[in-house]
Amino acid sequence: MENGSIIIPIVLIGWVALQFTMYGHKGLEIMEKTNIISLLIAICVIVNVSLNFIFVPAYGYIAAAFANLISYLLYPFMVYFVTKSYIKWRIPWNSMAKITFSSLITAGLLAAFKFLLFDSLLNIGLLAVLSLSGFFIYISLL
C-alpha cells in the first residue's frame, strides 16, 4: 500500500506557483476583466479534468496530483502573457529568497526537534510548543 503523503510536495509546488498569479490576477479584477479570468480558469479546468480522465485510471491519485500541478502551473503563465502588456510584474526576489530560506530553516529545525527529541510523543501541548517555537524561529530569521 502506498503512502498518500507522496503527493503533498507535488500539490504544494502547484499551490505556490498559483500564488504568483495574484500579481496579474488582481489587475484583471481591478480593470473589470473578469471574463478573461473566467476564460483562463475554464481552460485550466478543461486541462485538469482531461489529464485526470486520461491518466488517473492507469496511475491513480499520483496522476491526479500531477494533473493538478500542471493546471496550477498553466494558470500563472496564461495570466502573465495576457497581462504583461499593461501590468508590470515586479516580484521582490530578495524578499522571496529571505522568506524561502527562513521557512526551510524553520521547518528543518522543527522536524529535528520533533523526530530527535520527541519521536514517539505527539500531543496538543507539544504541537503548541513547536508551533510557537516555529513562529519565533521564523520571525528571528526574517
N, C-alpha and C. Protein backbone atom coordinates (compact mmCIF):
# COMPACT_ATOMS: atom_id res chain seq x y z
N MET A 1 0.83 -1.18 0.00
CA MET A 1 0.00 0.00 0.00
C MET A 1 0.88 1.25 0.00
N GLU A 2 0.55 2.18 -0.88
CA GLU A 2 1.35 3.39 -0.99
C GLU A 2 0.93 4.41 0.07
N ASN A 3 1.86 5.27 0.39
CA ASN A 3 1.62 6.33 1.34
C ASN A 3 1.16 7.58 0.59
N GLY A 4 0.01 8.12 0.95
CA GLY A 4 -0.54 9.29 0.27
C GLY A 4 0.27 10.56 0.44
N SER A 5 1.19 10.56 1.40
CA SER A 5 1.97 11.77 1.63
C SER A 5 2.89 12.11 0.46
N ILE A 6 3.08 11.18 -0.44
CA ILE A 6 3.96 11.44 -1.59
C ILE A 6 3.43 12.58 -2.47
N ILE A 7 2.13 12.81 -2.44
CA ILE A 7 1.56 13.86 -3.31
C ILE A 7 1.65 15.25 -2.69
N ILE A 8 1.96 15.35 -1.40
CA ILE A 8 1.99 16.65 -0.74
C ILE A 8 2.97 17.61 -1.41
N PRO A 9 4.22 17.23 -1.69
CA PRO A 9 5.12 18.19 -2.35
C PRO A 9 4.65 18.57 -3.76
N ILE A 10 4.04 17.63 -4.45
CA ILE A 10 3.56 17.91 -5.81
C ILE A 10 2.47 18.97 -5.77
N VAL A 11 1.51 18.78 -4.90
CA VAL A 11 0.41 19.73 -4.77
C VAL A 11 0.92 21.06 -4.22
N LEU A 12 1.86 21.02 -3.29
CA LEU A 12 2.41 22.24 -2.70
C LEU A 12 3.12 23.09 -3.75
N ILE A 13 3.90 22.47 -4.60
CA ILE A 13 4.59 23.22 -5.66
C ILE A 13 3.57 23.91 -6.57
N GLY A 14 2.52 23.19 -6.92
CA GLY A 14 1.47 23.80 -7.74
C GLY A 14 0.79 24.94 -7.04
N TRP A 15 0.51 24.77 -5.76
CA TRP A 15 -0.15 25.83 -4.99
C TRP A 15 0.72 27.07 -4.89
N VAL A 16 2.01 26.89 -4.67
CA VAL A 16 2.94 28.03 -4.60
C VAL A 16 2.98 28.74 -5.96
N ALA A 17 3.07 27.99 -7.03
CA ALA A 17 3.08 28.60 -8.37
C ALA A 17 1.81 29.38 -8.63
N LEU A 18 0.70 28.85 -8.18
CA LEU A 18 -0.59 29.52 -8.38
C LEU A 18 -0.62 30.88 -7.68
N GLN A 19 0.09 31.02 -6.58
CA GLN A 19 0.08 32.28 -5.84
C GLN A 19 0.73 33.42 -6.63
N PHE A 20 1.64 33.10 -7.55
CA PHE A 20 2.24 34.13 -8.40
C PHE A 20 1.20 34.77 -9.32
N THR A 21 0.12 34.08 -9.55
CA THR A 21 -0.93 34.59 -10.41
C THR A 21 -1.51 35.89 -9.87
N MET A 22 -1.48 36.08 -8.57
CA MET A 22 -2.11 37.25 -7.97
C MET A 22 -1.50 38.56 -8.47
N TYR A 23 -0.26 38.53 -8.94
CA TYR A 23 0.34 39.75 -9.48
C TYR A 23 -0.47 40.27 -10.66
N GLY A 24 -0.88 39.40 -11.53
CA GLY A 24 -1.67 39.83 -12.68
C GLY A 24 -3.16 39.69 -12.47
N HIS A 25 -3.56 38.72 -11.68
CA HIS A 25 -4.97 38.43 -11.46
C HIS A 25 -5.68 39.63 -10.82
N LYS A 26 -5.06 40.24 -9.82
CA LYS A 26 -5.67 41.40 -9.15
C LYS A 26 -5.83 42.55 -10.13
N GLY A 27 -4.88 42.72 -11.02
CA GLY A 27 -5.01 43.77 -12.05
C GLY A 27 -6.21 43.52 -12.94
N LEU A 28 -6.42 42.27 -13.31
CA LEU A 28 -7.59 41.93 -14.13
C LEU A 28 -8.88 42.22 -13.37
N GLU A 29 -8.88 41.94 -12.08
CA GLU A 29 -10.07 42.23 -11.27
C GLU A 29 -10.33 43.73 -11.22
N ILE A 30 -9.30 44.51 -10.97
CA ILE A 30 -9.45 45.96 -10.88
C ILE A 30 -9.93 46.55 -12.20
N MET A 31 -9.42 46.01 -13.30
CA MET A 31 -9.80 46.50 -14.63
C MET A 31 -11.13 45.89 -15.10
N GLU A 32 -11.79 45.14 -14.22
CA GLU A 32 -13.08 44.52 -14.50
C GLU A 32 -13.04 43.62 -15.73
N LYS A 33 -11.96 42.85 -15.82
CA LYS A 33 -11.80 41.90 -16.92
C LYS A 33 -12.05 40.47 -16.40
N THR A 34 -13.14 40.32 -15.69
CA THR A 34 -13.44 39.01 -15.11
C THR A 34 -13.78 37.98 -16.19
N ASN A 35 -14.18 38.44 -17.36
CA ASN A 35 -14.43 37.50 -18.45
C ASN A 35 -13.14 36.80 -18.87
N ILE A 36 -12.03 37.51 -18.84
CA ILE A 36 -10.72 36.91 -19.16
C ILE A 36 -10.34 35.91 -18.07
N ILE A 37 -10.56 36.30 -16.80
CA ILE A 37 -10.27 35.40 -15.68
C ILE A 37 -11.07 34.11 -15.85
N SER A 38 -12.34 34.25 -16.15
CA SER A 38 -13.20 33.07 -16.31
C SER A 38 -12.73 32.18 -17.45
N LEU A 39 -12.32 32.78 -18.55
CA LEU A 39 -11.83 32.01 -19.70
C LEU A 39 -10.57 31.24 -19.34
N LEU A 40 -9.62 31.90 -18.67
CA LEU A 40 -8.37 31.25 -18.30
C LEU A 40 -8.60 30.12 -17.29
N ILE A 41 -9.48 30.35 -16.33
CA ILE A 41 -9.80 29.31 -15.36
C ILE A 41 -10.47 28.13 -16.06
N ALA A 42 -11.36 28.43 -17.00
CA ALA A 42 -12.04 27.35 -17.75
C ALA A 42 -11.04 26.50 -18.52
N ILE A 43 -10.04 27.14 -19.11
CA ILE A 43 -9.00 26.40 -19.83
C ILE A 43 -8.26 25.48 -18.87
N CYS A 44 -7.91 25.99 -17.69
CA CYS A 44 -7.20 25.18 -16.69
C CYS A 44 -8.06 24.02 -16.20
N VAL A 45 -9.34 24.27 -16.02
CA VAL A 45 -10.24 23.20 -15.59
C VAL A 45 -10.32 22.11 -16.65
N ILE A 46 -10.44 22.51 -17.90
CA ILE A 46 -10.51 21.54 -19.00
C ILE A 46 -9.23 20.71 -19.07
N VAL A 47 -8.08 21.38 -18.92
CA VAL A 47 -6.79 20.66 -18.93
C VAL A 47 -6.74 19.69 -17.75
N ASN A 48 -7.11 20.15 -16.56
CA ASN A 48 -7.05 19.31 -15.37
C ASN A 48 -7.97 18.09 -15.49
N VAL A 49 -9.21 18.31 -15.88
CA VAL A 49 -10.16 17.21 -16.00
C VAL A 49 -9.72 16.23 -17.09
N SER A 50 -9.24 16.77 -18.21
CA SER A 50 -8.77 15.90 -19.30
C SER A 50 -7.61 15.03 -18.85
N LEU A 51 -6.64 15.63 -18.19
CA LEU A 51 -5.50 14.86 -17.69
C LEU A 51 -5.94 13.80 -16.68
N ASN A 52 -6.91 14.15 -15.85
CA ASN A 52 -7.42 13.17 -14.88
C ASN A 52 -8.09 12.00 -15.59
N PHE A 53 -8.92 12.28 -16.59
CA PHE A 53 -9.57 11.19 -17.32
C PHE A 53 -8.57 10.30 -18.02
N ILE A 54 -7.50 10.89 -18.54
CA ILE A 54 -6.51 10.12 -19.29
C ILE A 54 -5.61 9.30 -18.36
N PHE A 55 -5.10 9.92 -17.30
CA PHE A 55 -4.03 9.29 -16.52
C PHE A 55 -4.44 8.66 -15.19
N VAL A 56 -5.50 9.14 -14.56
CA VAL A 56 -5.86 8.60 -13.25
C VAL A 56 -6.25 7.12 -13.30
N PRO A 57 -7.00 6.66 -14.32
CA PRO A 57 -7.31 5.22 -14.33
C PRO A 57 -6.08 4.32 -14.33
N ALA A 58 -5.02 4.77 -14.96
CA ALA A 58 -3.80 3.95 -15.03
C ALA A 58 -2.85 4.19 -13.86
N TYR A 59 -2.76 5.43 -13.39
CA TYR A 59 -1.73 5.77 -12.40
C TYR A 59 -2.26 6.23 -11.05
N GLY A 60 -3.56 6.37 -10.90
CA GLY A 60 -4.16 6.68 -9.61
C GLY A 60 -4.00 8.12 -9.15
N TYR A 61 -4.04 8.25 -7.83
CA TYR A 61 -4.06 9.59 -7.24
C TYR A 61 -2.77 10.38 -7.48
N ILE A 62 -1.67 9.72 -7.74
CA ILE A 62 -0.43 10.45 -8.05
C ILE A 62 -0.58 11.19 -9.38
N ALA A 63 -1.24 10.57 -10.33
CA ALA A 63 -1.52 11.24 -11.61
C ALA A 63 -2.44 12.43 -11.39
N ALA A 64 -3.39 12.31 -10.47
CA ALA A 64 -4.28 13.43 -10.16
C ALA A 64 -3.48 14.60 -9.58
N ALA A 65 -2.49 14.29 -8.75
CA ALA A 65 -1.65 15.34 -8.18
C ALA A 65 -0.86 16.05 -9.27
N PHE A 66 -0.33 15.29 -10.23
CA PHE A 66 0.41 15.90 -11.33
C PHE A 66 -0.51 16.69 -12.26
N ALA A 67 -1.73 16.22 -12.47
CA ALA A 67 -2.69 16.97 -13.27
C ALA A 67 -3.00 18.30 -12.60
N ASN A 68 -3.12 18.26 -11.29
CA ASN A 68 -3.34 19.48 -10.51
C ASN A 68 -2.14 20.42 -10.66
N LEU A 69 -0.94 19.87 -10.54
CA LEU A 69 0.28 20.67 -10.68
C LEU A 69 0.33 21.34 -12.05
N ILE A 70 0.05 20.61 -13.09
CA ILE A 70 0.10 21.16 -14.44
C ILE A 70 -0.90 22.29 -14.62
N SER A 71 -2.12 22.09 -14.15
CA SER A 71 -3.12 23.15 -14.31
C SER A 71 -2.80 24.36 -13.44
N TYR A 72 -2.22 24.12 -12.25
CA TYR A 72 -1.81 25.23 -11.39
C TYR A 72 -0.61 25.98 -11.96
N LEU A 73 0.25 25.32 -12.70
CA LEU A 73 1.36 25.99 -13.37
C LEU A 73 0.90 26.74 -14.62
N LEU A 74 -0.09 26.19 -15.29
CA LEU A 74 -0.60 26.78 -16.52
C LEU A 74 -1.25 28.14 -16.27
N TYR A 75 -2.03 28.26 -15.21
CA TYR A 75 -2.77 29.49 -14.96
C TYR A 75 -1.87 30.72 -14.79
N PRO A 76 -0.81 30.69 -13.97
CA PRO A 76 0.04 31.88 -13.86
C PRO A 76 0.70 32.27 -15.18
N PHE A 77 1.10 31.28 -15.98
CA PHE A 77 1.70 31.61 -17.28
C PHE A 77 0.70 32.28 -18.20
N MET A 78 -0.51 31.78 -18.21
CA MET A 78 -1.53 32.40 -19.06
C MET A 78 -1.86 33.81 -18.58
N VAL A 79 -1.99 33.99 -17.28
CA VAL A 79 -2.27 35.32 -16.74
C VAL A 79 -1.12 36.27 -17.07
N TYR A 80 0.11 35.79 -16.94
CA TYR A 80 1.27 36.64 -17.26
C TYR A 80 1.22 37.10 -18.73
N PHE A 81 0.99 36.17 -19.64
CA PHE A 81 1.00 36.55 -21.06
C PHE A 81 -0.19 37.42 -21.43
N VAL A 82 -1.31 37.25 -20.77
CA VAL A 82 -2.47 38.08 -21.05
C VAL A 82 -2.28 39.50 -20.50
N THR A 83 -1.59 39.63 -19.36
CA THR A 83 -1.50 40.92 -18.69
C THR A 83 -0.18 41.66 -18.89
N LYS A 84 0.81 41.04 -19.48
CA LYS A 84 2.16 41.63 -19.49
C LYS A 84 2.22 42.96 -20.24
N SER A 85 1.30 43.22 -21.15
CA SER A 85 1.35 44.49 -21.89
C SER A 85 0.84 45.67 -21.07
N TYR A 86 0.04 45.43 -20.03
CA TYR A 86 -0.47 46.56 -19.26
C TYR A 86 -0.31 46.43 -17.75
N ILE A 87 0.25 45.34 -17.28
CA ILE A 87 0.54 45.20 -15.85
C ILE A 87 1.99 44.76 -15.72
N LYS A 88 2.76 45.56 -14.99
CA LYS A 88 4.16 45.22 -14.78
C LYS A 88 4.28 44.31 -13.56
N TRP A 89 4.82 43.14 -13.78
CA TRP A 89 5.01 42.18 -12.70
C TRP A 89 6.35 42.48 -12.04
N ARG A 90 6.32 42.95 -10.79
CA ARG A 90 7.55 43.20 -10.04
C ARG A 90 7.57 42.24 -8.85
N ILE A 91 8.31 41.20 -9.00
CA ILE A 91 8.40 40.20 -7.95
C ILE A 91 9.61 40.53 -7.08
N PRO A 92 9.40 40.73 -5.78
CA PRO A 92 10.51 41.08 -4.87
C PRO A 92 11.36 39.85 -4.56
N TRP A 93 12.31 39.57 -5.45
CA TRP A 93 13.09 38.34 -5.34
C TRP A 93 13.89 38.26 -4.05
N ASN A 94 14.41 39.39 -3.56
CA ASN A 94 15.16 39.36 -2.29
C ASN A 94 14.27 38.93 -1.13
N SER A 95 13.07 39.49 -1.08
CA SER A 95 12.13 39.10 -0.04
C SER A 95 11.72 37.64 -0.19
N MET A 96 11.50 37.21 -1.42
CA MET A 96 11.13 35.82 -1.66
C MET A 96 12.23 34.88 -1.18
N ALA A 97 13.48 35.24 -1.44
CA ALA A 97 14.60 34.41 -1.01
C ALA A 97 14.68 34.35 0.52
N LYS A 98 14.49 35.49 1.20
CA LYS A 98 14.52 35.51 2.67
C LYS A 98 13.39 34.66 3.25
N ILE A 99 12.21 34.79 2.69
CA ILE A 99 11.06 34.02 3.18
C ILE A 99 11.29 32.53 2.97
N THR A 100 11.77 32.17 1.78
CA THR A 100 12.03 30.76 1.49
C THR A 100 13.09 30.19 2.42
N PHE A 101 14.19 30.92 2.58
CA PHE A 101 15.27 30.48 3.47
C PHE A 101 14.75 30.31 4.89
N SER A 102 14.04 31.31 5.39
CA SER A 102 13.52 31.26 6.76
C SER A 102 12.54 30.09 6.94
N SER A 103 11.70 29.87 5.95
CA SER A 103 10.74 28.77 6.02
C SER A 103 11.42 27.42 6.05
N LEU A 104 12.42 27.25 5.19
CA LEU A 104 13.13 25.97 5.14
C LEU A 104 13.91 25.69 6.43
N ILE A 105 14.58 26.69 6.95
CA ILE A 105 15.33 26.52 8.20
C ILE A 105 14.37 26.21 9.35
N THR A 106 13.26 26.96 9.42
CA THR A 106 12.27 26.72 10.48
C THR A 106 11.71 25.31 10.38
N ALA A 107 11.32 24.89 9.18
CA ALA A 107 10.77 23.54 9.01
C ALA A 107 11.80 22.48 9.38
N GLY A 108 13.05 22.69 8.99
CA GLY A 108 14.10 21.73 9.32
C GLY A 108 14.34 21.63 10.82
N LEU A 109 14.39 22.78 11.50
CA LEU A 109 14.60 22.76 12.95
C LEU A 109 13.42 22.11 13.67
N LEU A 110 12.20 22.43 13.26
CA LEU A 110 11.03 21.83 13.91
C LEU A 110 10.98 20.33 13.66
N ALA A 111 11.33 19.91 12.46
CA ALA A 111 11.36 18.47 12.17
C ALA A 111 12.42 17.78 13.03
N ALA A 112 13.57 18.43 13.18
CA ALA A 112 14.63 17.86 14.01
C ALA A 112 14.17 17.77 15.46
N PHE A 113 13.55 18.84 15.98
CA PHE A 113 13.02 18.80 17.35
C PHE A 113 12.05 17.64 17.51
N LYS A 114 11.15 17.53 16.60
CA LYS A 114 10.10 16.51 16.70
C LYS A 114 10.67 15.10 16.63
N PHE A 115 11.49 14.83 15.63
CA PHE A 115 11.94 13.46 15.41
C PHE A 115 13.13 13.05 16.28
N LEU A 116 13.95 14.00 16.67
CA LEU A 116 15.10 13.64 17.50
C LEU A 116 14.77 13.67 18.99
N LEU A 117 13.95 14.63 19.41
CA LEU A 117 13.68 14.77 20.83
C LEU A 117 12.35 14.15 21.27
N PHE A 118 11.37 14.20 20.39
CA PHE A 118 10.02 13.77 20.78
C PHE A 118 9.46 12.75 19.79
N ASP A 119 10.26 11.79 19.40
CA ASP A 119 9.89 10.88 18.32
C ASP A 119 8.54 10.18 18.52
N SER A 120 8.31 9.65 19.68
CA SER A 120 7.08 8.88 19.87
C SER A 120 5.96 9.71 20.51
N LEU A 121 6.24 10.95 20.81
CA LEU A 121 5.27 11.78 21.52
C LEU A 121 4.67 12.82 20.58
N LEU A 122 3.37 12.87 20.54
CA LEU A 122 2.70 13.95 19.81
C LEU A 122 1.37 14.21 20.48
N ASN A 123 1.27 15.36 21.08
CA ASN A 123 0.02 15.75 21.70
C ASN A 123 -0.21 17.23 21.45
N ILE A 124 -1.31 17.74 21.89
CA ILE A 124 -1.66 19.13 21.60
C ILE A 124 -0.68 20.10 22.27
N GLY A 125 -0.19 19.75 23.45
CA GLY A 125 0.77 20.61 24.14
C GLY A 125 2.07 20.72 23.36
N LEU A 126 2.58 19.59 22.90
CA LEU A 126 3.81 19.58 22.11
C LEU A 126 3.61 20.33 20.80
N LEU A 127 2.46 20.12 20.19
CA LEU A 127 2.15 20.82 18.95
C LEU A 127 2.14 22.33 19.17
N ALA A 128 1.56 22.78 20.27
CA ALA A 128 1.52 24.21 20.60
C ALA A 128 2.93 24.76 20.83
N VAL A 129 3.75 24.01 21.57
CA VAL A 129 5.13 24.45 21.85
C VAL A 129 5.93 24.53 20.56
N LEU A 130 5.82 23.51 19.71
CA LEU A 130 6.56 23.52 18.45
C LEU A 130 6.06 24.64 17.53
N SER A 131 4.77 24.89 17.50
CA SER A 131 4.23 25.97 16.67
C SER A 131 4.72 27.33 17.14
N LEU A 132 4.69 27.55 18.43
CA LEU A 132 5.17 28.81 18.99
C LEU A 132 6.67 28.96 18.75
N SER A 133 7.41 27.88 18.93
CA SER A 133 8.85 27.91 18.66
C SER A 133 9.10 28.24 17.19
N GLY A 134 8.34 27.59 16.31
CA GLY A 134 8.47 27.85 14.87
C GLY A 134 8.21 29.29 14.52
N PHE A 135 7.22 29.88 15.15
CA PHE A 135 6.91 31.30 14.91
C PHE A 135 8.11 32.17 15.26
N PHE A 136 8.69 31.96 16.45
CA PHE A 136 9.81 32.78 16.87
C PHE A 136 11.07 32.52 16.05
N ILE A 137 11.31 31.29 15.66
CA ILE A 137 12.46 30.98 14.80
C ILE A 137 12.28 31.69 13.45
N TYR A 138 11.10 31.58 12.88
CA TYR A 138 10.83 32.18 11.57
C TYR A 138 11.00 33.69 11.61
N ILE A 139 10.40 34.34 12.60
CA ILE A 139 10.49 35.80 12.73
C ILE A 139 11.93 36.23 12.94
N SER A 140 12.67 35.50 13.76
CA SER A 140 14.06 35.91 14.01
C SER A 140 14.92 35.74 12.76
N LEU A 141 14.62 34.76 11.91
CA LEU A 141 15.39 34.57 10.69
C LEU A 141 15.07 35.65 9.64
N LEU A 142 13.84 36.11 9.66
CA LEU A 142 13.49 37.17 8.70
C LEU A 142 14.23 38.44 9.04
